[in-house]
């Protein structure tokens, strides 16, 4: 009986893992940590990059014609988003369409700090 329960539990975990890994890719899933690399107001698209600057990562173009757009928590237009901003994208009905874009100039924790920067440094 113990062996059967152990087997059933293992099988459940194995079958559930792929679905859990793809949960953020489905409709309504957010993709955190994207950096805006281009904004095309004529085509209503935003291009984002998942890796750090000048490092390999995934580039993705989203159509944002019907997306809810916020910048720094306030309602905005696509034209208000600038290259270099951080963006969270909520996927729409198709993988290349965004239903929401949340952009900000805030950096991730620890990002942008340089060694030697501090209140007590002198030049």
PDB file of N, CA and C in Angstrom:
ATOM      1  N   UNK A   1       0.825  -1.191   0.000  1.00  0.00           N
ATOM      2  CA  UNK A   1       0.000   0.000   0.000  1.00  0.00           C
ATOM      3  C   UNK A   1       0.872   1.259   0.000  1.00  0.00           C
ATOM      4  N   UNK A   2       1.952   1.267   0.833  1.00  0.00           N
ATOM      5  CA  UNK A   2       2.855   2.418   0.876  1.00  0.00           C
ATOM      6  C   UNK A   2       3.484   2.654  -0.484  1.00  0.00           C
ATOM      7  N   UNK A   3       3.858   1.572  -1.150  1.00  0.00           N
ATOM      8  CA  UNK A   3       4.491   1.701  -2.454  1.00  0.00           C
ATOM      9  C   UNK A   3       3.532   2.325  -3.464  1.00  0.00           C
ATOM     10  N   UNK A   4       2.260   1.932  -3.415  1.00  0.00           N
ATOM     11  CA  UNK A   4       1.278   2.476  -4.332  1.00  0.00           C
ATOM     12  C   UNK A   4       1.086   3.975  -4.099  1.00  0.00           C
ATOM     13  N   UNK A   5       0.977   4.402  -2.850  1.00  0.00           N
ATOM     14  CA  UNK A   5       0.803   5.808  -2.521  1.00  0.00           C
ATOM     15  C   UNK A   5       2.015   6.614  -2.965  1.00  0.00           C
ATOM     16  N   UNK A   6       3.197   6.077  -2.710  1.00  0.00           N
ATOM     17  CA  UNK A   6       4.423   6.749  -3.120  1.00  0.00           C
ATOM     18  C   UNK A   6       4.470   6.891  -4.640  1.00  0.00           C
ATOM     19  N   UNK A   7       4.104   5.841  -5.347  1.00  0.00           N
ATOM     20  CA  UNK A   7       4.081   5.868  -6.802  1.00  0.00           C
ATOM     21  C   UNK A   7       3.073   6.889  -7.311  1.00  0.00           C
ATOM     22  N   UNK A   8       1.893   6.899  -6.740  1.00  0.00           N
ATOM     23  CA  UNK A   8       0.839   7.831  -7.166  1.00  0.00           C
ATOM     24  C   UNK A   8       1.260   9.279  -6.923  1.00  0.00           C
ATOM     25  N   UNK A   9       1.881   9.550  -5.794  1.00  0.00           N
ATOM     26  CA  UNK A   9       2.337  10.899  -5.476  1.00  0.00           C
ATOM     27  C   UNK A   9       3.422  11.346  -6.450  1.00  0.00           C
ATOM     28  N   UNK A  10       4.372  10.480  -6.732  1.00  0.00           N
ATOM     29  CA  UNK A  10       5.447  10.791  -7.672  1.00  0.00           C
ATOM     30  C   UNK A  10       4.882  11.077  -9.060  1.00  0.00           C
ATOM     31  N   UNK A  11       3.954  10.250  -9.500  1.00  0.00           N
ATOM     32  CA  UNK A  11       3.333  10.431 -10.806  1.00  0.00           C
ATOM     33  C   UNK A  11       2.585  11.765 -10.878  1.00  0.00           C
ATOM     34  N   UNK A  12       1.889  12.117  -9.819  1.00  0.00           N
ATOM     35  CA  UNK A  12       1.156  13.386  -9.774  1.00  0.00           C
ATOM     36  C   UNK A  12       2.102  14.571  -9.902  1.00  0.00           C
ATOM     37  N   UNK A  13       3.208  14.533  -9.200  1.00  0.00           N
ATOM     38  CA  UNK A  13       4.186  15.619  -9.249  1.00  0.00           C
ATOM     39  C   UNK A  13       4.784  15.735 -10.645  1.00  0.00           C
ATOM     40  N   UNK A  14       5.133  14.613 -11.238  1.00  0.00           N
ATOM     41  CA  UNK A  14       5.732  14.619 -12.574  1.00  0.00           C
ATOM     42  C   UNK A  14       4.760  15.192 -13.600  1.00  0.00           C
ATOM     43  N   UNK A  15       3.495  14.830 -13.512  1.00  0.00           N
ATOM     44  CA  UNK A  15       2.515  15.303 -14.477  1.00  0.00           C
ATOM     45  C   UNK A  15       2.127  16.766 -14.244  1.00  0.00           C
ATOM     46  N   UNK A  16       2.222  17.245 -13.015  1.00  0.00           N
ATOM     47  CA  UNK A  16       1.830  18.617 -12.708  1.00  0.00           C
ATOM     48  C   UNK A  16       2.938  19.626 -13.014  1.00  0.00           C
ATOM     49  N   UNK A  17       4.188  19.216 -12.974  1.00  0.00           N
ATOM     50  CA  UNK A  17       5.317  20.134 -13.123  1.00  0.00           C
ATOM     51  C   UNK A  17       5.283  20.949 -14.422  1.00  0.00           C
ATOM     52  N   UNK A  18       5.056  20.353 -15.592  1.00  0.00           N
ATOM     53  CA  UNK A  18       5.042  21.168 -16.809  1.00  0.00           C
ATOM     54  C   UNK A  18       3.952  22.237 -16.794  1.00  0.00           C
ATOM     55  N   UNK A  19       2.798  21.913 -16.270  1.00  0.00           N
ATOM     56  CA  UNK A  19       1.709  22.883 -16.194  1.00  0.00           C
ATOM     57  C   UNK A  19       2.041  24.039 -15.277  1.00  0.00           C
ATOM     58  N   UNK A  20       2.718  23.760 -14.177  1.00  0.00           N
ATOM     59  CA  UNK A  20       3.099  24.823 -13.255  1.00  0.00           C
ATOM     60  C   UNK A  20       4.159  25.720 -13.886  1.00  0.00           C
ATOM     61  N   UNK A  21       5.065  25.147 -14.642  1.00  0.00           N
ATOM     62  CA  UNK A  21       6.129  25.926 -15.269  1.00  0.00           C
ATOM     63  C   UNK A  21       5.571  26.877 -16.317  1.00  0.00           C
ATOM     64  N   UNK A  22       4.491  26.490 -16.988  1.00  0.00           N
ATOM     65  CA  UNK A  22       3.917  27.319 -18.037  1.00  0.00           C
ATOM     66  C   UNK A  22       2.832  28.263 -17.532  1.00  0.00           C
ATOM     67  N   UNK A  23       2.531  28.252 -16.254  1.00  0.00           N
ATOM     68  CA  UNK A  23       1.437  29.062 -15.717  1.00  0.00           C
ATOM     69  C   UNK A  23       1.599  30.536 -16.050  1.00  0.00           C
ATOM     70  N   UNK A  24       2.804  31.071 -16.017  1.00  0.00           N
ATOM     71  CA  UNK A  24       3.032  32.480 -16.312  1.00  0.00           C
ATOM     72  C   UNK A  24       2.918  32.805 -17.789  1.00  0.00           C
ATOM     73  N   UNK A  25       2.938  31.802 -18.646  1.00  0.00           N
ATOM     74  CA  UNK A  25       2.871  32.027 -20.081  1.00  0.00           C
ATOM     75  C   UNK A  25       1.432  32.101 -20.579  1.00  0.00           C
ATOM     76  N   UNK A  26       0.462  31.621 -19.808  1.00  0.00           N
ATOM     77  CA  UNK A  26      -0.918  31.582 -20.248  1.00  0.00           C
ATOM     78  C   UNK A  26      -1.560  32.946 -20.146  1.00  0.00           C
ATOM     79  N   UNK A  27      -2.747  33.050 -20.702  1.00  0.00           N
ATOM     80  CA  UNK A  27      -3.498  34.303 -20.662  1.00  0.00           C
ATOM     81  C   UNK A  27      -3.600  34.801 -19.229  1.00  0.00           C
ATOM     82  N   UNK A  28      -3.302  36.067 -19.037  1.00  0.00           N
ATOM     83  CA  UNK A  28      -3.381  36.661 -17.708  1.00  0.00           C
ATOM     84  C   UNK A  28      -2.101  36.508 -16.905  1.00  0.00           C
ATOM     85  N   UNK A  29      -1.122  35.759 -17.412  1.00  0.00           N
ATOM     86  CA  UNK A  29       0.132  35.583 -16.688  1.00  0.00           C
ATOM     87  C   UNK A  29       1.045  36.772 -16.898  1.00  0.00           C
ATOM     88  N   UNK A  30       1.668  37.243 -15.831  1.00  0.00           N
ATOM     89  CA  UNK A  30       2.568  38.396 -15.952  1.00  0.00           C
ATOM     90  C   UNK A  30       3.981  37.914 -16.207  1.00  0.00           C
ATOM     91  N   UNK A  31       4.715  38.684 -16.960  1.00  0.00           N
ATOM     92  CA  UNK A  31       6.123  38.418 -17.211  1.00  0.00           C
ATOM     93  C   UNK A  31       6.904  39.550 -16.568  1.00  0.00           C
ATOM     94  N   UNK A  32       7.431  39.309 -15.385  1.00  0.00           N
ATOM     95  CA  UNK A  32       8.140  40.381 -14.685  1.00  0.00           C
ATOM     96  C   UNK A  32       9.550  40.586 -15.213  1.00  0.00           C
ATOM     97  N   UNK A  33      10.084  41.764 -14.989  1.00  0.00           N
ATOM     98  CA  UNK A  33      11.487  42.012 -15.240  1.00  0.00           C
ATOM     99  C   UNK A  33      11.889  42.329 -16.659  1.00  0.00           C
ATOM    100  N   UNK A  34      10.971  42.648 -17.521  1.00  0.00           N
ATOM    101  CA  UNK A  34      11.327  43.003 -18.878  1.00  0.00           C
ATOM    102  C   UNK A  34      11.871  44.421 -18.927  1.00  0.00           C
ATOM    103  N   UNK A  35      12.823  44.677 -19.810  1.00  0.00           N
ATOM    104  CA  UNK A  35      13.339  46.018 -20.047  1.00  0.00           C
ATOM    105  C   UNK A  35      12.844  46.459 -21.423  1.00  0.00           C
ATOM    106  N   UNK A  36      12.276  47.640 -21.501  1.00  0.00           N
ATOM    107  CA  UNK A  36      11.751  48.157 -22.764  1.00  0.00           C
ATOM    108  C   UNK A  36      12.927  48.527 -23.665  1.00  0.00           C
ATOM    109  N   UNK A  37      12.947  47.967 -24.877  1.00  0.00           N
ATOM    110  CA  UNK A  37      14.012  48.259 -25.828  1.00  0.00           C
ATOM    111  C   UNK A  37      13.515  49.073 -27.023  1.00  0.00           C
ATOM    112  N   UNK A  38      12.191  49.087 -27.260  1.00  0.00           N
ATOM    113  CA  UNK A  38      11.627  49.884 -28.349  1.00  0.00           C
ATOM    114  C   UNK A  38      10.134  50.080 -28.127  1.00  0.00           C
ATOM    115  N   UNK A  39       9.651  51.232 -28.588  1.00  0.00           N
ATOM    116  CA  UNK A  39       8.224  51.551 -28.547  1.00  0.00           C
ATOM    117  C   UNK A  39       7.850  52.073 -29.928  1.00  0.00           C
ATOM    118  N   UNK A  40       6.854  51.471 -30.550  1.00  0.00           N
ATOM    119  CA  UNK A  40       6.405  51.901 -31.876  1.00  0.00           C
ATOM    120  C   UNK A  40       4.937  52.306 -31.760  1.00  0.00           C
ATOM    121  N   UNK A  41       4.695  53.607 -31.647  1.00  0.00           N
ATOM    122  CA  UNK A  41       3.325  54.093 -31.480  1.00  0.00           C
ATOM    123  C   UNK A  41       2.501  53.944 -32.752  1.00  0.00           C
ATOM    124  N   UNK A  42       3.138  53.957 -33.912  1.00  0.00           N
ATOM    125  CA  UNK A  42       2.413  53.795 -35.176  1.00  0.00           C
ATOM    126  C   UNK A  42       1.882  52.369 -35.312  1.00  0.00           C
ATOM    127  N   UNK A  43       2.689  51.390 -34.911  1.00  0.00           N
ATOM    128  CA  UNK A  43       2.293  49.990 -35.013  1.00  0.00           C
ATOM    129  C   UNK A  43       1.628  49.483 -33.731  1.00  0.00           C
ATOM    130  N   UNK A  44       1.572  50.323 -32.696  1.00  0.00           N
ATOM    131  CA  UNK A  44       1.033  49.937 -31.391  1.00  0.00           C
ATOM    132  C   UNK A  44       1.726  48.692 -30.838  1.00  0.00           C
ATOM    133  N   UNK A  45       3.073  48.732 -30.823  1.00  0.00           N
ATOM    134  CA  UNK A  45       3.840  47.613 -30.288  1.00  0.00           C
ATOM    135  C   UNK A  45       4.881  48.102 -29.289  1.00  0.00           C
ATOM    136  N   UNK A  46       5.261  47.189 -28.414  1.00  0.00           N
ATOM    137  CA  UNK A  46       6.343  47.437 -27.470  1.00  0.00           C
ATOM    138  C   UNK A  46       7.283  46.243 -27.549  1.00  0.00           C
ATOM    139  N   UNK A  47       8.581  46.524 -27.598  1.00  0.00           N
ATOM    140  CA  UNK A  47       9.584  45.467 -27.641  1.00  0.00           C
ATOM    141  C   UNK A  47      10.295  45.459 -26.301  1.00  0.00           C
ATOM    142  N   UNK A  48      10.417  44.266 -25.724  1.00  0.00           N
ATOM    143  CA  UNK A  48      11.035  44.130 -24.407  1.00  0.00           C
ATOM    144  C   UNK A  48      12.097  43.036 -24.443  1.00  0.00           C
ATOM    145  N   UNK A  49      13.035  43.117 -23.487  1.00  0.00           N
ATOM    146  CA  UNK A  49      14.143  42.163 -23.386  1.00  0.00           C
ATOM    147  C   UNK A  49      14.163  41.601 -21.968  1.00  0.00           C
ATOM    148  N   UNK A  50      14.323  40.279 -21.842  1.00  0.00           N
ATOM    149  CA  UNK A  50      14.252  39.636 -20.533  1.00  0.00           C
ATOM    150  C   UNK A  50      15.568  39.590 -19.786  1.00  0.00           C
ATOM    151  N   UNK A  51      16.690  39.680 -20.477  1.00  0.00           N
ATOM    152  CA  UNK A  51      17.990  39.591 -19.807  1.00  0.00           C
ATOM    153  C   UNK A  51      18.483  40.946 -19.365  1.00  0.00           C
ATOM    154  N   UNK A  52      19.631  40.941 -18.715  1.00  0.00           N
ATOM    155  CA  UNK A  52      20.252  42.200 -18.335  1.00  0.00           C
ATOM    156  C   UNK A  52      20.822  42.856 -19.584  1.00  0.00           C
ATOM    157  N   UNK A  53      21.092  44.153 -19.480  1.00  0.00           N
ATOM    158  CA  UNK A  53      21.608  44.911 -20.620  1.00  0.00           C
ATOM    159  C   UNK A  53      22.855  44.237 -21.183  1.00  0.00           C
ATOM    160  N   UNK A  54      22.912  44.115 -22.493  1.00  0.00           N
ATOM    161  CA  UNK A  54      24.042  43.528 -23.223  1.00  0.00           C
ATOM    162  C   UNK A  54      24.303  42.066 -22.870  1.00  0.00           C
ATOM    163  N   UNK A  55      23.313  41.371 -22.316  1.00  0.00           N
ATOM    164  CA  UNK A  55      23.451  39.949 -22.019  1.00  0.00           C
ATOM    165  C   UNK A  55      22.381  39.185 -22.788  1.00  0.00           C
ATOM    166  N   UNK A  56      22.643  37.897 -23.042  1.00  0.00           N
ATOM    167  CA  UNK A  56      21.637  37.107 -23.745  1.00  0.00           C
ATOM    168  C   UNK A  56      20.335  37.069 -22.949  1.00  0.00           C
ATOM    169  N   UNK A  57      19.277  36.991 -23.642  1.00  0.00           N
ATOM    170  CA  UNK A  57      17.956  36.907 -23.038  1.00  0.00           C
ATOM    171  C   UNK A  57      16.937  36.793 -24.154  1.00  0.00           C
ATOM    172  N   UNK A  58      15.698  36.854 -23.790  1.00  0.00           N
ATOM    173  CA  UNK A  58      14.631  36.731 -24.769  1.00  0.00           C
ATOM    174  C   UNK A  58      14.122  38.119 -25.161  1.00  0.00           C
ATOM    175  N   UNK A  59      14.001  38.369 -26.460  1.00  0.00           N
ATOM    176  CA  UNK A  59      13.385  39.588 -26.960  1.00  0.00           C
ATOM    177  C   UNK A  59      11.967  39.237 -27.386  1.00  0.00           C
ATOM    178  N   UNK A  60      11.028  40.111 -27.087  1.00  0.00           N
ATOM    179  CA  UNK A  60       9.625  39.831 -27.386  1.00  0.00           C
ATOM    180  C   UNK A  60       8.935  41.115 -27.812  1.00  0.00           C
ATOM    181  N   UNK A  61       8.129  41.029 -28.858  1.00  0.00           N
ATOM    182  CA  UNK A  61       7.334  42.160 -29.321  1.00  0.00           C
ATOM    183  C   UNK A  61       5.874  41.861 -29.003  1.00  0.00           C
ATOM    184  N   UNK A  62       5.223  42.819 -28.341  1.00  0.00           N
ATOM    185  CA  UNK A  62       3.811  42.674 -27.998  1.00  0.00           C
ATOM    186  C   UNK A  62       2.979  43.743 -28.695  1.00  0.00           C
ATOM    187  N   UNK A  63       1.814  43.352 -29.201  1.00  0.00           N
ATOM    188  CA  UNK A  63       0.836  44.294 -29.716  1.00  0.00           C
ATOM    189  C   UNK A  63       0.078  44.835 -28.503  1.00  0.00           C
ATOM    190  N   UNK A  64      -0.070  46.137 -28.409  1.00  0.00           N
ATOM    191  CA  UNK A  64      -0.688  46.730 -27.219  1.00  0.00           C
ATOM    192  C   UNK A  64      -1.874  47.643 -27.559  1.00  0.00           C
ATOM    193  N   UNK A  65      -2.469  47.464 -28.731  1.00  0.00           N
ATOM    194  CA  UNK A  65      -3.552  48.355 -29.172  1.00  0.00           C
ATOM    195  C   UNK A  65      -4.684  48.456 -28.156  1.00  0.00           C
ATOM    196  N   UNK A  66      -5.089  47.353 -27.559  1.00  0.00           N
ATOM    197  CA  UNK A  66      -6.213  47.357 -26.612  1.00  0.00           C
ATOM    198  C   UNK A  66      -5.761  47.166 -25.170  1.00  0.00           C
ATOM    199  N   UNK A  67      -4.476  47.294 -24.913  1.00  0.00           N
ATOM    200  CA  UNK A  67      -3.934  47.037 -23.569  1.00  0.00           C
ATOM    201  C   UNK A  67      -4.190  48.212 -22.623  1.00  0.00           C
ATOM    202  N   UNK A  68      -4.332  47.883 -21.359  1.00  0.00           N
ATOM    203  CA  UNK A  68      -4.377  48.894 -20.311  1.00  0.00           C
ATOM    204  C   UNK A  68      -2.932  49.233 -19.983  1.00  0.00           C
ATOM    205  N   UNK A  69      -2.564  50.494 -20.082  1.00  0.00           N
ATOM    206  CA  UNK A  69      -1.173  50.898 -19.879  1.00  0.00           C
ATOM    207  C   UNK A  69      -1.078  51.811 -18.665  1.00  0.00           C
ATOM    208  N   UNK A  70      -0.120  51.490 -17.794  1.00  0.00           N
ATOM    209  CA  UNK A  70       0.165  52.348 -16.650  1.00  0.00           C
ATOM    210  C   UNK A  70       1.662  52.625 -16.595  1.00  0.00           C
ATOM    211  N   UNK A  71       1.999  53.839 -16.186  1.00  0.00           N
ATOM    212  CA  UNK A  71       3.390  54.222 -15.980  1.00  0.00           C
ATOM    213  C   UNK A  71       3.482  54.778 -14.561  1.00  0.00           C
ATOM    214  N   UNK A  72       4.350  54.187 -13.772  1.00  0.00           N
ATOM    215  CA  UNK A  72       4.514  54.577 -12.371  1.00  0.00           C
ATOM    216  C   UNK A  72       3.182  54.516 -11.619  1.00  0.00           C
ATOM    217  N   UNK A  73       2.332  53.550 -11.997  1.00  0.00           N
ATOM    218  CA  UNK A  73       1.066  53.338 -11.312  1.00  0.00           C
ATOM    219  C   UNK A  73      -0.083  54.199 -11.786  1.00  0.00           C
ATOM    220  N   UNK A  74       0.151  55.103 -12.727  1.00  0.00           N
ATOM    221  CA  UNK A  74      -0.909  55.982 -13.244  1.00  0.00           C
ATOM    222  C   UNK A  74      -1.268  55.608 -14.674  1.00  0.00           C
ATOM    223  N   UNK A  75      -2.522  55.802 -15.027  1.00  0.00           N
ATOM    224  CA  UNK A  75      -2.983  55.524 -16.383  1.00  0.00           C
ATOM    225  C   UNK A  75      -2.143  56.318 -17.382  1.00  0.00           C
ATOM    226  N   UNK A  76      -1.776  55.660 -18.493  1.00  0.00           N
ATOM    227  CA  UNK A  76      -0.893  56.306 -19.457  1.00  0.00           C
ATOM    228  C   UNK A  76      -1.199  55.821 -20.867  1.00  0.00           C
ATOM    229  N   UNK A  77      -0.441  56.361 -21.834  1.00  0.00           N
ATOM    230  CA  UNK A  77      -0.520  55.950 -23.229  1.00  0.00           C
ATOM    231  C   UNK A  77       0.795  55.255 -23.583  1.00  0.00           C
ATOM    232  N   UNK A  78       0.794  54.538 -24.682  1.00  0.00           N
ATOM    233  CA  UNK A  78       2.002  53.862 -25.143  1.00  0.00           C
ATOM    234  C   UNK A  78       3.150  54.851 -25.312  1.00  0.00           C
ATOM    235  N   UNK A  79       2.863  56.049 -25.796  1.00  0.00           N
ATOM    236  CA  UNK A  79       3.894  57.063 -26.033  1.00  0.00           C
ATOM    237  C   UNK A  79       4.582  57.512 -24.737  1.00  0.00           C
ATOM    238  N   UNK A  80       3.944  57.254 -23.582  1.00  0.00           N
ATOM    239  CA  UNK A  80       4.535  57.635 -22.297  1.00  0.00           C
ATOM    240  C   UNK A  80       5.614  56.658 -21.829  1.00  0.00           C
ATOM    241  N   UNK A  81       5.682  55.505 -22.467  1.00  0.00           N
ATOM    242  CA  UNK A  81       6.698  54.505 -22.119  1.00  0.00           C
ATOM    243  C   UNK A  81       7.960  54.808 -22.919  1.00  0.00           C
ATOM    244  N   UNK A  82       9.106  54.799 -22.249  1.00  0.00           N
ATOM    245  CA  UNK A  82      10.368  55.102 -22.921  1.00  0.00           C
ATOM    246  C   UNK A  82      11.332  53.926 -22.820  1.00  0.00           C
ATOM    247  N   UNK A  83      12.268  53.890 -23.743  1.00  0.00           N
ATOM    248  CA  UNK A  83      13.295  52.848 -23.756  1.00  0.00           C
ATOM    249  C   UNK A  83      14.068  52.902 -22.440  1.00  0.00           C
ATOM    250  N   UNK A  84      14.310  51.725 -21.867  1.00  0.00           N
ATOM    251  CA  UNK A  84      15.046  51.624 -20.615  1.00  0.00           C
ATOM    252  C   UNK A  84      14.154  51.416 -19.409  1.00  0.00           C
ATOM    253  N   UNK A  85      12.864  51.693 -19.548  1.00  0.00           N
ATOM    254  CA  UNK A  85      11.944  51.453 -18.431  1.00  0.00           C
ATOM    255  C   UNK A  85      11.806  49.965 -18.184  1.00  0.00           C
ATOM    256  N   UNK A  86      11.422  49.597 -16.972  1.00  0.00           N
ATOM    257  CA  UNK A  86      11.100  48.219 -16.632  1.00  0.00           C
ATOM    258  C   UNK A  86       9.624  48.035 -16.933  1.00  0.00           C
ATOM    259  N   UNK A  87       9.223  46.853 -17.381  1.00  0.00           N
ATOM    260  CA  UNK A  87       7.825  46.614 -17.713  1.00  0.00           C
ATOM    261  C   UNK A  87       7.388  45.228 -17.272  1.00  0.00           C
ATOM    262  N   UNK A  88       6.168  45.158 -16.788  1.00  0.00           N
ATOM    263  CA  UNK A  88       5.505  43.885 -16.517  1.00  0.00           C
ATOM    264  C   UNK A  88       4.404  43.770 -17.549  1.00  0.00           C
ATOM    265  N   UNK A  89       4.407  42.655 -18.263  1.00  0.00           N
ATOM    266  CA  UNK A  89       3.457  42.445 -19.341  1.00  0.00           C
ATOM    267  C   UNK A  89       2.463  41.368 -18.912  1.00  0.00           C
ATOM    268  N   UNK A  90       1.172  41.654 -19.065  1.00  0.00           N
ATOM    269  CA  UNK A  90       0.144  40.646 -18.849  1.00  0.00           C
ATOM    270  C   UNK A  90      -0.310  40.197 -20.221  1.00  0.00           C
ATOM    271  N   UNK A  91      -0.134  38.901 -20.488  1.00  0.00           N
ATOM    272  CA  UNK A  91      -0.459  38.353 -21.804  1.00  0.00           C
ATOM    273  C   UNK A  91      -1.947  38.457 -22.081  1.00  0.00           C
ATOM    274  N   UNK A  92      -2.262  38.670 -23.348  1.00  0.00           N
ATOM    275  CA  UNK A  92      -3.652  38.759 -23.775  1.00  0.00           C
ATOM    276  C   UNK A  92      -4.144  37.427 -24.310  1.00  0.00           C
ATOM    277  N   UNK A  93      -5.104  37.491 -25.218  1.00  0.00           N
ATOM    278  CA  UNK A  93      -5.716  36.293 -25.779  1.00  0.00           C
ATOM    279  C   UNK A  93      -4.731  35.479 -26.619  1.00  0.00           C
ATOM    280  N   UNK A  94      -3.758  36.144 -27.229  1.00  0.00           N
ATOM    281  CA  UNK A  94      -2.733  35.430 -27.991  1.00  0.00           C
ATOM    282  C   UNK A  94      -1.366  35.780 -27.393  1.00  0.00           C
ATOM    283  N   UNK A  95      -0.368  34.930 -27.609  1.00  0.00           N
ATOM    284  CA  UNK A  95       0.941  35.132 -26.976  1.00  0.00           C
ATOM    285  C   UNK A  95       1.660  36.418 -27.364  1.00  0.00           C
ATOM    286  N   UNK A  96       1.305  37.000 -28.509  1.00  0.00           N
ATOM    287  CA  UNK A  96       1.983  38.225 -28.935  1.00  0.00           C
ATOM    288  C   UNK A  96       1.168  39.486 -28.648  1.00  0.00           C
ATOM    289  N   UNK A  97       0.106  39.349 -27.873  1.00  0.00           N
ATOM    290  CA  UNK A  97      -0.748  40.480 -27.528  1.00  0.00           C
ATOM    291  C   UNK A  97      -0.725  40.691 -26.016  1.00  0.00           C
ATOM    292  N   UNK A  98      -0.609  41.950 -25.607  1.00  0.00           N
ATOM    293  CA  UNK A  98      -0.635  42.282 -24.182  1.00  0.00           C
ATOM    294  C   UNK A  98      -2.006  42.834 -23.815  1.00  0.00           C
ATOM    295  N   UNK A  99      -2.531  42.397 -22.670  1.00  0.00           N
ATOM    296  CA  UNK A  99      -3.782  42.979 -22.185  1.00  0.00           C
ATOM    297  C   UNK A  99      -3.490  44.113 -21.210  1.00  0.00           C
ATOM    298  N   UNK A 100      -2.275  44.090 -20.631  1.00  0.00           N
ATOM    299  CA  UNK A 100      -1.869  45.162 -19.721  1.00  0.00           C
ATOM    300  C   UNK A 100      -0.355  45.317 -19.742  1.00  0.00           C
ATOM    301  N   UNK A 101       0.096  46.558 -19.622  1.00  0.00           N
ATOM    302  CA  UNK A 101       1.522  46.869 -19.526  1.00  0.00           C
ATOM    303  C   UNK A 101       1.692  47.807 -18.338  1.00  0.00           C
ATOM    304  N   UNK A 102       2.528  47.392 -17.390  1.00  0.00           N
ATOM    305  CA  UNK A 102       2.849  48.223 -16.230  1.00  0.00           C
ATOM    306  C   UNK A 102       4.317  48.613 -16.348  1.00  0.00           C
ATOM    307  N   UNK A 103       4.589  49.887 -16.604  1.00  0.00           N
ATOM    308  CA  UNK A 103       5.968  50.345 -16.791  1.00  0.00           C
ATOM    309  C   UNK A 103       6.389  51.251 -15.637  1.00  0.00           C
ATOM    310  N   UNK A 104       7.680  51.190 -15.329  1.00  0.00           N
ATOM    311  CA  UNK A 104       8.211  52.066 -14.286  1.00  0.00           C
ATOM    312  C   UNK A 104       9.691  52.307 -14.537  1.00  0.00           C
ATOM    313  N   UNK A 105      10.200  53.351 -13.914  1.00  0.00           N
ATOM    314  CA  UNK A 105      11.623  53.652 -14.017  1.00  0.00           C
ATOM    315  C   UNK A 105      12.384  53.054 -12.840  1.00  0.00           C
ATOM    316  N   UNK A 106      11.664  52.440 -11.919  1.00  0.00           N
ATOM    317  CA  UNK A 106      12.301  51.855 -10.743  1.00  0.00           C
ATOM    318  C   UNK A 106      13.165  50.677 -11.140  1.00  0.00           C
ATOM    319  N   UNK A 107      14.332  50.590 -10.529  1.00  0.00           N
ATOM    320  CA  UNK A 107      15.244  49.491 -10.780  1.00  0.00           C
ATOM    321  C   UNK A 107      14.985  48.394  -9.767  1.00  0.00           C
ATOM    322  N   UNK A 108      15.367  47.170 -10.149  1.00  0.00           N
ATOM    323  CA  UNK A 108      15.242  46.069  -9.220  1.00  0.00           C
ATOM    324  C   UNK A 108      16.187  46.282  -8.054  1.00  0.00           C
ATOM    325  N   UNK A 109      15.891  45.651  -6.932  1.00  0.00           N
ATOM    326  CA  UNK A 109      16.698  45.764  -5.730  1.00  0.00           C
ATOM    327  C   UNK A 109      18.157  45.412  -6.037  1.00  0.00           C
ATOM    328  N   UNK A 110      19.057  46.344  -5.695  1.00  0.00           N
ATOM    329  CA  UNK A 110      20.484  46.120  -5.893  1.00  0.00           C
ATOM    330  C   UNK A 110      20.983  46.509  -7.278  1.00  0.00           C
ATOM    331  N   UNK A 111      20.086  46.796  -8.214  1.00  0.00           N
ATOM    332  CA  UNK A 111      20.483  47.144  -9.575  1.00  0.00           C
ATOM    333  C   UNK A 111      20.965  48.588  -9.618  1.00  0.00           C
ATOM    334  N   UNK A 112      22.024  48.840 -10.310  1.00  0.00           N
ATOM    335  CA  UNK A 112      22.506  50.195 -10.497  1.00  0.00           C
ATOM    336  C   UNK A 112      23.467  50.678  -9.423  1.00  0.00           C
ATOM    337  N   UNK A 113      23.699  49.882  -8.396  1.00  0.00           N
ATOM    338  CA  UNK A 113      24.647  50.296  -7.364  1.00  0.00           C
ATOM    339  C   UNK A 113      26.050  49.962  -7.815  1.00  0.00           C
ATOM    340  N   UNK A 114      26.963  50.896  -7.596  1.00  0.00           N
ATOM    341  CA  UNK A 114      28.350  50.671  -7.957  1.00  0.00           C
ATOM    342  C   UNK A 114      29.191  50.633  -6.689  1.00  0.00           C
ATOM    343  N   UNK A 115      30.236  49.852  -6.737  1.00  0.00           N
ATOM    344  CA  UNK A 115      31.125  49.769  -5.607  1.00  0.00           C
ATOM    345  C   UNK A 115      31.748  51.146  -5.351  1.00  0.00           C
ATOM    346  N   UNK A 116      31.733  51.566  -4.119  1.00  0.00           N
ATOM    347  CA  UNK A 116      32.320  52.863  -3.783  1.00  0.00           C
ATOM    348  C   UNK A 116      31.298  53.960  -3.699  1.00  0.00           C
ATOM    349  N   UNK A 117      30.084  53.742  -4.243  1.00  0.00           N
ATOM    350  CA  UNK A 117      29.032  54.745  -4.110  1.00  0.00           C
ATOM    351  C   UNK A 117      28.535  54.729  -2.667  1.00  0.00           C
ATOM    352  N   UNK A 118      28.303  55.881  -2.151  1.00  0.00           N
ATOM    353  CA  UNK A 118      27.779  55.936  -0.784  1.00  0.00           C
ATOM    354  C   UNK A 118      27.814  57.353  -0.281  1.00  0.00           C
ATOM    355  N   UNK A 119      27.181  57.563   0.850  1.00  0.00           N
ATOM    356  CA  UNK A 119      27.055  58.902   1.406  1.00  0.00           C
ATOM    357  C   UNK A 119      28.405  59.458   1.851  1.00  0.00           C
ATOM    358  N   UNK A 120      29.320  58.603   2.249  1.00  0.00           N
ATOM    359  CA  UNK A 120      30.589  59.087   2.785  1.00  0.00           C
ATOM    360  C   UNK A 120      31.706  59.187   1.781  1.00  0.00           C
ATOM    361  N   UNK A 121      31.436  58.922   0.501  1.00  0.00           N
ATOM    362  CA  UNK A 121      32.538  58.957  -0.453  1.00  0.00           C
ATOM    363  C   UNK A 121      32.930  60.375  -0.791  1.00  0.00           C
ATOM    364  N   UNK A 122      34.195  60.555  -1.071  1.00  0.00           N
ATOM    365  CA  UNK A 122      34.717  61.876  -1.410  1.00  0.00           C
ATOM    366  C   UNK A 122      35.394  61.810  -2.753  1.00  0.00           C
ATOM    367  N   UNK A 123      35.446  62.964  -3.432  1.00  0.00           N
ATOM    368  CA  UNK A 123      36.121  63.004  -4.746  1.00  0.00           C
ATOM    369  C   UNK A 123      37.429  63.697  -4.643  1.00  0.00           C
TER     370      UNK A 123
END
